Amino acid sequence: MQFSREFKGIFLASISATFWGVSGAVAQTLFDTTDINSIWLTGIRMLGAGIALFLVSLVTHVDLWSIWRQPRDLLQIAAYTLLGLMPVQFTYFLAVEASNAATGTILQFMGPVFIALWMLVAHRQLPTRAEGLAIICALLGSFLLVTHGNPGTLVISVWALIWGLLSGVSSATNTLLPTKLLTKYDPMTVNTWSMLLGGILFNLVQPVWSIHIPLTALNISKLVFVILFGTLLAFLFFLQSLQYIRPTVVSLLDAFEPLSATIIAVVLLGVSFGWLDILGSVLIISTVFILAIGQGPNDRTAENFKESEH
């Protein structure tokens, strides 16, 4: 059976986003049933994914070593790792640990709004109509999600709100920082070294052997899912999808991430989600559609890979 290029791209991008979303829900179950914390899980995830990406790069003959001949580019890799990839992975898991997978994933989706605000403050570039509408929707949606419309009450913990917003901010830095590197090197090269460096640094703080996790078949399968499906395969499927469909279409399909995380959290994990939570979530997720539809022909924001975001 012959599938069209568009169908292949849509399928790969949808599966990629779904893997990211489900991995957040799987992480929530690990936090709830074992003694692991966000530092440990982020470290093993980044190190495991980095080793896997390294092996895949060798098999597919991606040139991993050219970047080592450019010391300035290595410094950019370090900056991207420390200020982009590590924070976005870590704060996301902290938000999930402090609340749940659905809330953490949805709040991280405010990343594009923080990018628009950064362009306004740093470059005095006024938001477009689409960006302005996206900012309003994101702010209103987050207000409903965390207060249920009552400004004097928080329905999630203060730490969940803080980590969720920081996850959105780090999502923005994770998108902005590697742009120059991605014009010179394959995304596999950039992400492989950044994942390895981040994984090593997290393990220096809390080595993988420092926390005992019962090595049951269920726990092992959860860790494998987070590393293999929620990171490595999600990343590879994302890259593959860009060969078949436009980045703007891929960005629209990112909505499968919070959707899948929310469905798993509500149906299987017993997370309570009322109509105000749903409305707030829809408003935040709608920013992706608004920005994608309003994207200009020369706007390459959506092309900055999201594959390392989770």
C-alpha atoms as a PDB file:
ATOM      1  CA  MET A   1       0.000   0.000   0.000  1.00  0.00           C
ATOM      2  CA  GLN A   2       1.504   3.315  -1.102  1.00  0.00           C
ATOM      3  CA  PHE A   3       1.164   6.239   1.282  1.00  0.00           C
ATOM      4  CA  SER A   4       1.560   9.853   0.197  1.00  0.00           C
ATOM      5  CA  ARG A   5       4.442  11.974   1.467  1.00  0.00           C
ATOM      6  CA  GLU A   6       1.971  14.170   3.341  1.00  0.00           C
ATOM      7  CA  PHE A   7       0.416  11.194   5.102  1.00  0.00           C
ATOM      8  CA  LYS A   8       3.854   9.918   6.138  1.00  0.00           C
ATOM      9  CA  GLY A   9       4.823  13.323   7.494  1.00  0.00           C
ATOM     10  CA  ILE A  10       1.579  13.815   9.396  1.00  0.00           C
ATOM     11  CA  PHE A  11       1.777  10.295  10.846  1.00  0.00           C
ATOM     12  CA  LEU A  12       5.402  10.699  11.982  1.00  0.00           C
ATOM     13  CA  ALA A  13       4.844  14.159  13.496  1.00  0.00           C
ATOM     14  CA  SER A  14       1.691  12.999  15.305  1.00  0.00           C
ATOM     15  CA  ILE A  15       3.397   9.919  16.737  1.00  0.00           C
ATOM     16  CA  SER A  16       6.392  12.016  17.776  1.00  0.00           C
ATOM     17  CA  ALA A  17       4.245  14.518  19.694  1.00  0.00           C
ATOM     18  CA  THR A  18       2.198  11.693  21.227  1.00  0.00           C
ATOM     19  CA  PHE A  19       5.351   9.960  22.462  1.00  0.00           C
ATOM     20  CA  TRP A  20       6.468  13.192  24.137  1.00  0.00           C
ATOM     21  CA  GLY A  21       3.106  13.635  25.821  1.00  0.00           C
ATOM     22  CA  VAL A  22       2.776  10.036  27.013  1.00  0.00           C
ATOM     23  CA  SER A  23       6.345  10.082  28.365  1.00  0.00           C
ATOM     24  CA  GLY A  24       5.301  12.888  30.716  1.00  0.00           C
ATOM     25  CA  ALA A  25       2.454  10.760  32.039  1.00  0.00           C
ATOM     26  CA  VAL A  26       4.811   7.787  32.441  1.00  0.00           C
ATOM     27  CA  ALA A  27       7.223  10.039  34.361  1.00  0.00           C
ATOM     28  CA  GLN A  28       4.357  11.027  36.659  1.00  0.00           C
ATOM     29  CA  THR A  29       3.751   7.387  37.555  1.00  0.00           C
ATOM     30  CA  LEU A  30       7.455   6.962  38.360  1.00  0.00           C
ATOM     31  CA  PHE A  31       7.374   9.995  40.659  1.00  0.00           C
ATOM     32  CA  ASP A  32       4.249   8.655  42.376  1.00  0.00           C
ATOM     33  CA  THR A  33       5.420   5.062  42.895  1.00  0.00           C
ATOM     34  CA  THR A  34       9.205   5.251  43.438  1.00  0.00           C
ATOM     35  CA  ASP A  35      11.753   7.402  45.274  1.00  0.00           C
ATOM     36  CA  ILE A  36      13.235   8.979  42.136  1.00  0.00           C
ATOM     37  CA  ASN A  37      13.226  12.732  41.651  1.00  0.00           C
ATOM     38  CA  SER A  38      13.487  15.127  38.716  1.00  0.00           C
ATOM     39  CA  ILE A  39      17.294  15.401  38.833  1.00  0.00           C
ATOM     40  CA  TRP A  40      17.741  11.638  38.659  1.00  0.00           C
ATOM     41  CA  LEU A  41      15.158  11.088  35.923  1.00  0.00           C
ATOM     42  CA  THR A  42      16.440  13.993  33.818  1.00  0.00           C
ATOM     43  CA  GLY A  43      19.994  12.712  34.146  1.00  0.00           C
ATOM     44  CA  ILE A  44      19.265   9.137  33.128  1.00  0.00           C
ATOM     45  CA  ARG A  45      16.978  10.313  30.328  1.00  0.00           C
ATOM     46  CA  MET A  46      19.515  12.709  28.818  1.00  0.00           C
ATOM     47  CA  LEU A  47      22.463  10.352  29.219  1.00  0.00           C
ATOM     48  CA  GLY A  48      20.543   7.372  27.838  1.00  0.00           C
ATOM     49  CA  ALA A  49      19.182   9.378  24.917  1.00  0.00           C
ATOM     50  CA  GLY A  50      22.607  10.903  24.253  1.00  0.00           C
ATOM     51  CA  ILE A  51      24.281   7.487  24.054  1.00  0.00           C
ATOM     52  CA  ALA A  52      21.481   6.202  21.815  1.00  0.00           C
ATOM     53  CA  LEU A  53      21.734   9.243  19.521  1.00  0.00           C
ATOM     54  CA  PHE A  54      25.511   8.773  19.365  1.00  0.00           C
ATOM     55  CA  LEU A  55      25.095   5.181  18.209  1.00  0.00           C
ATOM     56  CA  VAL A  56      22.394   6.112  15.693  1.00  0.00           C
ATOM     57  CA  SER A  57      24.606   8.896  14.321  1.00  0.00           C
ATOM     58  CA  LEU A  58      27.468   6.455  13.810  1.00  0.00           C
ATOM     59  CA  VAL A  59      25.220   4.007  11.980  1.00  0.00           C
ATOM     60  CA  THR A  60      23.703   6.713   9.769  1.00  0.00           C
ATOM     61  CA  HIS A  61      27.116   8.306   9.129  1.00  0.00           C
ATOM     62  CA  VAL A  62      26.250  11.700  10.606  1.00  0.00           C
ATOM     63  CA  ASP A  63      29.422  13.761  11.024  1.00  0.00           C
ATOM     64  CA  LEU A  64      29.635  14.193  14.796  1.00  0.00           C
ATOM     65  CA  TRP A  65      33.229  15.342  14.924  1.00  0.00           C
ATOM     66  CA  SER A  66      33.319  18.439  12.739  1.00  0.00           C
ATOM     67  CA  ILE A  67      32.049  20.601  15.579  1.00  0.00           C
ATOM     68  CA  TRP A  68      35.112  19.713  17.662  1.00  0.00           C
ATOM     69  CA  ARG A  69      37.297  21.597  15.189  1.00  0.00           C
ATOM     70  CA  GLN A  70      35.503  24.833  16.069  1.00  0.00           C
ATOM     71  CA  PRO A  71      36.136  25.852  19.725  1.00  0.00           C
ATOM     72  CA  ARG A  72      33.672  28.741  19.485  1.00  0.00           C
ATOM     73  CA  ASP A  73      30.935  26.351  18.396  1.00  0.00           C
ATOM     74  CA  LEU A  74      31.735  24.081  21.329  1.00  0.00           C
ATOM     75  CA  LEU A  75      31.144  27.046  23.621  1.00  0.00           C
ATOM     76  CA  GLN A  76      27.775  27.544  21.939  1.00  0.00           C
ATOM     77  CA  ILE A  77      26.966  23.882  22.546  1.00  0.00           C
ATOM     78  CA  ALA A  78      27.814  24.379  26.225  1.00  0.00           C
ATOM     79  CA  ALA A  79      25.646  27.508  26.431  1.00  0.00           C
ATOM     80  CA  TYR A  80      22.756  25.766  24.699  1.00  0.00           C
ATOM     81  CA  THR A  81      23.077  22.773  27.029  1.00  0.00           C
ATOM     82  CA  LEU A  82      23.276  24.802  30.242  1.00  0.00           C
ATOM     83  CA  LEU A  83      20.673  27.449  29.388  1.00  0.00           C
ATOM     84  CA  GLY A  84      18.375  25.586  27.021  1.00  0.00           C
ATOM     85  CA  LEU A  85      18.306  21.808  26.936  1.00  0.00           C
ATOM     86  CA  MET A  86      19.045  21.068  30.593  1.00  0.00           C
ATOM     87  CA  PRO A  87      16.562  23.611  32.009  1.00  0.00           C
ATOM     88  CA  VAL A  88      13.751  22.628  29.647  1.00  0.00           C
ATOM     89  CA  GLN A  89      14.111  18.949  30.548  1.00  0.00           C
ATOM     90  CA  PHE A  90      14.548  19.597  34.263  1.00  0.00           C
ATOM     91  CA  THR A  91      11.818  22.211  34.823  1.00  0.00           C
ATOM     92  CA  TYR A  92       9.330  20.126  32.849  1.00  0.00           C
ATOM     93  CA  PHE A  93       9.846  17.129  35.128  1.00  0.00           C
ATOM     94  CA  LEU A  94       9.731  19.403  38.182  1.00  0.00           C
ATOM     95  CA  ALA A  95       6.373  20.758  36.993  1.00  0.00           C
ATOM     96  CA  VAL A  96       5.086  17.208  36.457  1.00  0.00           C
ATOM     97  CA  GLU A  97       6.408  16.146  39.860  1.00  0.00           C
ATOM     98  CA  ALA A  98       4.751  19.141  41.569  1.00  0.00           C
ATOM     99  CA  SER A  99       1.416  18.788  39.736  1.00  0.00           C
ATOM    100  CA  ASN A 100       0.731  16.254  36.975  1.00  0.00           C
ATOM    101  CA  ALA A 101       1.699  15.466  33.409  1.00  0.00           C
ATOM    102  CA  ALA A 102      -1.231  17.337  31.876  1.00  0.00           C
ATOM    103  CA  THR A 103      -0.623  20.619  33.718  1.00  0.00           C
ATOM    104  CA  GLY A 104       3.152  20.479  33.252  1.00  0.00           C
ATOM    105  CA  THR A 105       2.880  19.805  29.511  1.00  0.00           C
ATOM    106  CA  ILE A 106       0.275  22.498  28.920  1.00  0.00           C
ATOM    107  CA  LEU A 107       2.203  25.191  30.801  1.00  0.00           C
ATOM    108  CA  GLN A 108       5.326  24.344  28.806  1.00  0.00           C
ATOM    109  CA  PHE A 109       3.323  25.150  25.681  1.00  0.00           C
ATOM    110  CA  MET A 110       3.612  28.833  26.595  1.00  0.00           C
ATOM    111  CA  GLY A 111       7.143  28.742  25.155  1.00  0.00           C
ATOM    112  CA  PRO A 112       6.219  30.437  21.835  1.00  0.00           C
ATOM    113  CA  VAL A 113       4.600  33.283  23.773  1.00  0.00           C
ATOM    114  CA  PHE A 114       7.813  33.891  25.727  1.00  0.00           C
ATOM    115  CA  ILE A 115       9.685  33.949  22.416  1.00  0.00           C
ATOM    116  CA  ALA A 116       7.360  36.690  21.160  1.00  0.00           C
ATOM    117  CA  LEU A 117       7.852  38.640  24.413  1.00  0.00           C
ATOM    118  CA  TRP A 118      11.640  38.257  24.095  1.00  0.00           C
ATOM    119  CA  MET A 119      11.564  39.641  20.571  1.00  0.00           C
ATOM    120  CA  LEU A 120       9.555  42.599  21.874  1.00  0.00           C
ATOM    121  CA  VAL A 121      11.886  43.383  24.776  1.00  0.00           C
ATOM    122  CA  ALA A 122      15.288  42.526  23.306  1.00  0.00           C
ATOM    123  CA  HIS A 123      14.788  43.536  19.681  1.00  0.00           C
ATOM    124  CA  ARG A 124      11.925  46.033  20.022  1.00  0.00           C
ATOM    125  CA  GLN A 125      10.040  43.984  17.502  1.00  0.00           C
ATOM    126  CA  LEU A 126       6.328  44.486  18.038  1.00  0.00           C
ATOM    127  CA  PRO A 127       4.224  41.332  18.009  1.00  0.00           C
ATOM    128  CA  THR A 128       2.244  40.586  14.891  1.00  0.00           C
ATOM    129  CA  ARG A 129      -1.525  40.312  15.162  1.00  0.00           C
ATOM    130  CA  ALA A 130      -1.190  36.550  15.440  1.00  0.00           C
ATOM    131  CA  GLU A 131       1.454  36.832  18.171  1.00  0.00           C
ATOM    132  CA  GLY A 132      -0.633  39.385  20.071  1.00  0.00           C
ATOM    133  CA  LEU A 133      -3.687  37.140  19.941  1.00  0.00           C
ATOM    134  CA  ALA A 134      -1.556  34.140  20.997  1.00  0.00           C
ATOM    135  CA  ILE A 135      -0.198  36.065  24.004  1.00  0.00           C
ATOM    136  CA  ILE A 136      -3.710  37.019  25.113  1.00  0.00           C
ATOM    137  CA  CYS A 137      -4.956  33.435  24.730  1.00  0.00           C
ATOM    138  CA  ALA A 138      -1.960  32.037  26.617  1.00  0.00           C
ATOM    139  CA  LEU A 139      -2.300  34.477  29.509  1.00  0.00           C
ATOM    140  CA  LEU A 140      -6.054  33.944  29.791  1.00  0.00           C
ATOM    141  CA  GLY A 141      -5.659  30.187  29.474  1.00  0.00           C
ATOM    142  CA  SER A 142      -2.965  29.967  32.144  1.00  0.00           C
ATOM    143  CA  PHE A 143      -5.083  32.184  34.429  1.00  0.00           C
ATOM    144  CA  LEU A 144      -8.028  29.798  34.110  1.00  0.00           C
ATOM    145  CA  LEU A 145      -5.830  26.731  34.456  1.00  0.00           C
ATOM    146  CA  VAL A 146      -4.143  27.799  37.692  1.00  0.00           C
ATOM    147  CA  THR A 147      -6.941  29.838  39.379  1.00  0.00           C
ATOM    148  CA  HIS A 148     -10.216  28.581  37.847  1.00  0.00           C
ATOM    149  CA  GLY A 149     -11.122  32.234  37.324  1.00  0.00           C
ATOM    150  CA  ASN A 150     -10.640  33.291  40.953  1.00  0.00           C
ATOM    151  CA  PRO A 151      -7.534  35.518  41.205  1.00  0.00           C
ATOM    152  CA  GLY A 152      -7.356  34.977  44.961  1.00  0.00           C
ATOM    153  CA  THR A 153      -7.028  31.197  44.716  1.00  0.00           C
ATOM    154  CA  LEU A 154      -4.469  28.826  43.235  1.00  0.00           C
ATOM    155  CA  VAL A 155      -5.792  25.385  42.293  1.00  0.00           C
ATOM    156  CA  ILE A 156      -2.265  24.083  41.807  1.00  0.00           C
ATOM    157  CA  SER A 157       0.674  24.514  44.164  1.00  0.00           C
ATOM    158  CA  VAL A 158       2.869  27.602  43.966  1.00  0.00           C
ATOM    159  CA  TRP A 159       5.824  25.406  43.000  1.00  0.00           C
ATOM    160  CA  ALA A 160       3.845  23.757  40.231  1.00  0.00           C
ATOM    161  CA  LEU A 161       3.056  27.207  38.830  1.00  0.00           C
ATOM    162  CA  ILE A 162       6.663  28.391  39.169  1.00  0.00           C
ATOM    163  CA  TRP A 163       8.159  25.296  37.535  1.00  0.00           C
ATOM    164  CA  GLY A 164       5.489  25.283  34.841  1.00  0.00           C
ATOM    165  CA  LEU A 165       6.182  28.901  33.874  1.00  0.00           C
ATOM    166  CA  LEU A 166       9.945  28.330  34.014  1.00  0.00           C
ATOM    167  CA  SER A 167       9.392  25.330  31.777  1.00  0.00           C
ATOM    168  CA  GLY A 168       7.747  27.664  29.271  1.00  0.00           C
ATOM    169  CA  VAL A 169      10.624  30.136  29.550  1.00  0.00           C
ATOM    170  CA  SER A 170      13.249  27.424  29.103  1.00  0.00           C
ATOM    171  CA  SER A 171      11.265  26.081  26.162  1.00  0.00           C
ATOM    172  CA  ALA A 172      11.789  29.489  24.573  1.00  0.00           C
ATOM    173  CA  THR A 173      15.541  29.560  25.315  1.00  0.00           C
ATOM    174  CA  ASN A 174      15.800  25.990  24.070  1.00  0.00           C
ATOM    175  CA  THR A 175      14.375  27.150  20.754  1.00  0.00           C
ATOM    176  CA  LEU A 176      16.345  30.392  20.434  1.00  0.00           C
ATOM    177  CA  LEU A 177      19.838  29.372  21.553  1.00  0.00           C
ATOM    178  CA  PRO A 178      20.772  26.727  18.950  1.00  0.00           C
ATOM    179  CA  THR A 179      19.607  28.670  15.873  1.00  0.00           C
ATOM    180  CA  LYS A 180      23.130  29.587  14.703  1.00  0.00           C
ATOM    181  CA  LEU A 181      24.439  26.101  15.350  1.00  0.00           C
ATOM    182  CA  LEU A 182      21.622  24.579  13.316  1.00  0.00           C
ATOM    183  CA  THR A 183      22.627  26.622  10.277  1.00  0.00           C
ATOM    184  CA  LYS A 184      26.065  24.960  10.340  1.00  0.00           C
ATOM    185  CA  TYR A 185      25.512  21.465  11.713  1.00  0.00           C
ATOM    186  CA  ASP A 186      23.056  18.609  11.462  1.00  0.00           C
ATOM    187  CA  PRO A 187      20.498  18.668  14.326  1.00  0.00           C
ATOM    188  CA  MET A 188      21.672  15.159  15.240  1.00  0.00           C
ATOM    189  CA  THR A 189      25.181  16.501  15.854  1.00  0.00           C
ATOM    190  CA  VAL A 190      23.995  19.386  18.021  1.00  0.00           C
ATOM    191  CA  ASN A 191      21.554  17.304  20.014  1.00  0.00           C
ATOM    192  CA  THR A 192      23.834  14.300  20.502  1.00  0.00           C
ATOM    193  CA  TRP A 193      26.614  16.305  22.154  1.00  0.00           C
ATOM    194  CA  SER A 194      24.186  18.440  24.130  1.00  0.00           C
ATOM    195  CA  MET A 195      22.304  15.398  25.444  1.00  0.00           C
ATOM    196  CA  LEU A 196      25.549  13.676  26.416  1.00  0.00           C
ATOM    197  CA  LEU A 197      26.929  16.784  28.148  1.00  0.00           C
ATOM    198  CA  GLY A 198      23.675  17.441  29.997  1.00  0.00           C
ATOM    199  CA  GLY A 199      23.353  13.807  31.051  1.00  0.00           C
ATOM    200  CA  ILE A 200      26.911  13.751  32.387  1.00  0.00           C
ATOM    201  CA  LEU A 201      26.420  17.001  34.341  1.00  0.00           C
ATOM    202  CA  PHE A 202      23.178  15.806  35.929  1.00  0.00           C
ATOM    203  CA  ASN A 203      24.853  12.536  36.893  1.00  0.00           C
ATOM    204  CA  LEU A 204      27.683  14.444  38.557  1.00  0.00           C
ATOM    205  CA  VAL A 205      25.045  16.001  40.821  1.00  0.00           C
ATOM    206  CA  GLN A 206      23.090  12.790  41.359  1.00  0.00           C
ATOM    207  CA  PRO A 207      24.576   9.633  39.823  1.00  0.00           C
ATOM    208  CA  VAL A 208      22.210   7.054  38.434  1.00  0.00           C
ATOM    209  CA  TRP A 209      23.265   4.596  41.150  1.00  0.00           C
ATOM    210  CA  SER A 210      22.552   7.064  43.994  1.00  0.00           C
ATOM    211  CA  ILE A 211      18.839   6.210  44.087  1.00  0.00           C
ATOM    212  CA  HIS A 212      17.578   2.669  44.403  1.00  0.00           C
ATOM    213  CA  ILE A 213      14.610   1.967  42.177  1.00  0.00           C
ATOM    214  CA  PRO A 214      13.046  -1.506  42.320  1.00  0.00           C
ATOM    215  CA  LEU A 215      14.088  -3.201  39.072  1.00  0.00           C
ATOM    216  CA  THR A 216      10.686  -4.634  38.334  1.00  0.00           C
ATOM    217  CA  ALA A 217       9.624  -5.286  34.763  1.00  0.00           C
ATOM    218  CA  LEU A 218       7.133  -2.422  35.036  1.00  0.00           C
ATOM    219  CA  ASN A 219       9.672   0.141  36.281  1.00  0.00           C
ATOM    220  CA  ILE A 220      12.230  -0.895  33.673  1.00  0.00           C
ATOM    221  CA  SER A 221       9.644  -0.644  30.898  1.00  0.00           C
ATOM    222  CA  LYS A 222       8.684   2.843  32.082  1.00  0.00           C
ATOM    223  CA  LEU A 223      12.298   4.038  32.028  1.00  0.00           C
ATOM    224  CA  VAL A 224      12.824   2.482  28.612  1.00  0.00           C
ATOM    225  CA  PHE A 225       9.727   4.242  27.332  1.00  0.00           C
ATOM    226  CA  VAL A 226      10.865   7.656  28.627  1.00  0.00           C
ATOM    227  CA  ILE A 227      14.343   7.249  27.120  1.00  0.00           C
ATOM    228  CA  LEU A 228      13.625   5.279  23.950  1.00  0.00           C
ATOM    229  CA  PHE A 229      10.131   6.341  22.880  1.00  0.00           C
ATOM    230  CA  GLY A 230       9.730   9.661  24.686  1.00  0.00           C
ATOM    231  CA  THR A 231      13.133  10.988  23.657  1.00  0.00           C
ATOM    232  CA  LEU A 232      15.058   9.069  20.980  1.00  0.00           C
ATOM    233  CA  LEU A 233      12.234   7.882  18.693  1.00  0.00           C
ATOM    234  CA  ALA A 234      10.234  11.077  19.215  1.00  0.00           C
ATOM    235  CA  PHE A 235      13.287  13.061  18.081  1.00  0.00           C
ATOM    236  CA  LEU A 236      13.992  10.846  15.062  1.00  0.00           C
ATOM    237  CA  PHE A 237      10.332  10.779  13.954  1.00  0.00           C
ATOM    238  CA  PHE A 238      10.192  14.561  14.280  1.00  0.00           C
ATOM    239  CA  LEU A 239      13.231  15.014  12.047  1.00  0.00           C
ATOM    240  CA  GLN A 240      11.878  12.517   9.540  1.00  0.00           C
ATOM    241  CA  SER A 241       8.512  14.284   9.378  1.00  0.00           C
ATOM    242  CA  LEU A 242      10.206  17.518   8.283  1.00  0.00           C
ATOM    243  CA  GLN A 243      11.301  15.743   5.108  1.00  0.00           C
ATOM    244  CA  TYR A 244       7.669  15.256   4.078  1.00  0.00           C
ATOM    245  CA  ILE A 245       5.655  18.226   5.395  1.00  0.00           C
ATOM    246  CA  ARG A 246       6.229  21.900   6.158  1.00  0.00           C
ATOM    247  CA  PRO A 247       7.399  22.958   9.650  1.00  0.00           C
ATOM    248  CA  THR A 248       4.191  24.947  10.136  1.00  0.00           C
ATOM    249  CA  VAL A 249       2.176  21.746   9.735  1.00  0.00           C
ATOM    250  CA  VAL A 250       4.471  19.951  12.176  1.00  0.00           C
ATOM    251  CA  SER A 251       3.959  22.742  14.716  1.00  0.00           C
ATOM    252  CA  LEU A 252       0.186  22.310  14.423  1.00  0.00           C
ATOM    253  CA  LEU A 253       0.535  18.603  15.129  1.00  0.00           C
ATOM    254  CA  ASP A 254       2.439  19.439  18.337  1.00  0.00           C
ATOM    255  CA  ALA A 255      -1.031  19.720  19.863  1.00  0.00           C
ATOM    256  CA  PHE A 256      -1.008  15.930  20.148  1.00  0.00           C
ATOM    257  CA  GLU A 257       1.532  16.300  22.972  1.00  0.00           C
ATOM    258  CA  PRO A 258      -0.634  18.030  25.616  1.00  0.00           C
ATOM    259  CA  LEU A 259      -3.683  16.181  24.287  1.00  0.00           C
ATOM    260  CA  SER A 260      -2.115  12.769  24.837  1.00  0.00           C
ATOM    261  CA  ALA A 261      -0.668  13.779  28.218  1.00  0.00           C
ATOM    262  CA  THR A 262      -4.071  15.031  29.366  1.00  0.00           C
ATOM    263  CA  ILE A 263      -5.974  11.962  28.167  1.00  0.00           C
ATOM    264  CA  ILE A 264      -3.544   9.585  29.894  1.00  0.00           C
ATOM    265  CA  ALA A 265      -3.521  11.678  33.079  1.00  0.00           C
ATOM    266  CA  VAL A 266      -7.321  11.876  33.298  1.00  0.00           C
ATOM    267  CA  VAL A 267      -8.301   8.400  32.088  1.00  0.00           C
ATOM    268  CA  LEU A 268      -5.526   6.248  33.558  1.00  0.00           C
ATOM    269  CA  LEU A 269      -3.981   8.301  36.381  1.00  0.00           C
ATOM    270  CA  GLY A 270      -7.142   9.746  37.906  1.00  0.00           C
ATOM    271  CA  VAL A 271      -6.195  13.411  37.482  1.00  0.00           C
ATOM    272  CA  SER A 272      -9.237  15.648  37.896  1.00  0.00           C
ATOM    273  CA  PHE A 273      -9.824  18.035  34.995  1.00  0.00           C
ATOM    274  CA  GLY A 274     -12.884  20.318  35.169  1.00  0.00           C
ATOM    275  CA  TRP A 275     -14.372  22.437  32.408  1.00  0.00           C
ATOM    276  CA  LEU A 276     -12.293  25.490  33.413  1.00  0.00           C
ATOM    277  CA  ASP A 277      -9.134  23.376  33.180  1.00  0.00           C
ATOM    278  CA  ILE A 278     -10.227  22.220  29.736  1.00  0.00           C
ATOM    279  CA  LEU A 279     -11.027  25.766  28.609  1.00  0.00           C
ATOM    280  CA  GLY A 280      -7.688  27.071  29.887  1.00  0.00           C
ATOM    281  CA  SER A 281      -5.859  24.210  28.214  1.00  0.00           C
ATOM    282  CA  VAL A 282      -7.624  24.814  24.895  1.00  0.00           C
ATOM    283  CA  LEU A 283      -6.705  28.511  25.007  1.00  0.00           C
ATOM    284  CA  ILE A 284      -3.027  27.728  25.643  1.00  0.00           C
ATOM    285  CA  ILE A 285      -2.863  24.989  23.001  1.00  0.00           C
ATOM    286  CA  SER A 286      -4.628  27.279  20.512  1.00  0.00           C
ATOM    287  CA  THR A 287      -1.551  29.543  20.544  1.00  0.00           C
ATOM    288  CA  VAL A 288       0.277  26.940  18.468  1.00  0.00           C
ATOM    289  CA  PHE A 289      -2.428  27.058  15.800  1.00  0.00           C
ATOM    290  CA  ILE A 290      -2.623  30.847  15.886  1.00  0.00           C
ATOM    291  CA  LEU A 291       1.132  31.260  15.497  1.00  0.00           C
ATOM    292  CA  ALA A 292       1.376  28.603  12.793  1.00  0.00           C
ATOM    293  CA  ILE A 293      -1.470  30.075  10.744  1.00  0.00           C
ATOM    294  CA  GLY A 294      -0.097  33.587  11.147  1.00  0.00           C
ATOM    295  CA  GLN A 295       3.470  32.586  10.350  1.00  0.00           C
ATOM    296  CA  GLY A 296       5.080  34.576   7.560  1.00  0.00           C
ATOM    297  CA  PRO A 297       6.886  32.876   4.667  1.00  0.00           C
ATOM    298  CA  ASN A 298      10.297  33.883   6.011  1.00  0.00           C
ATOM    299  CA  ASP A 299       9.623  33.098   9.633  1.00  0.00           C
ATOM    300  CA  ARG A 300      11.752  30.108  10.563  1.00  0.00           C
ATOM    301  CA  THR A 301      10.761  29.930  14.238  1.00  0.00           C
ATOM    302  CA  ALA A 302       8.820  26.720  13.721  1.00  0.00           C
ATOM    303  CA  GLU A 303      11.850  25.157  12.085  1.00  0.00           C
ATOM    304  CA  ASN A 304      13.950  25.452  15.241  1.00  0.00           C
ATOM    305  CA  PHE A 305      13.771  21.873  16.332  1.00  0.00           C
ATOM    306  CA  LYS A 306      11.477  21.005  19.197  1.00  0.00           C
ATOM    307  CA  GLU A 307      12.899  17.532  19.394  1.00  0.00           C
ATOM    308  CA  SER A 308      15.057  18.234  22.449  1.00  0.00           C
ATOM    309  CA  GLU A 309      12.364  20.122  24.288  1.00  0.00           C
ATOM    310  CA  HIS A 310      11.158  17.243  26.484  1.00  0.00           C
END
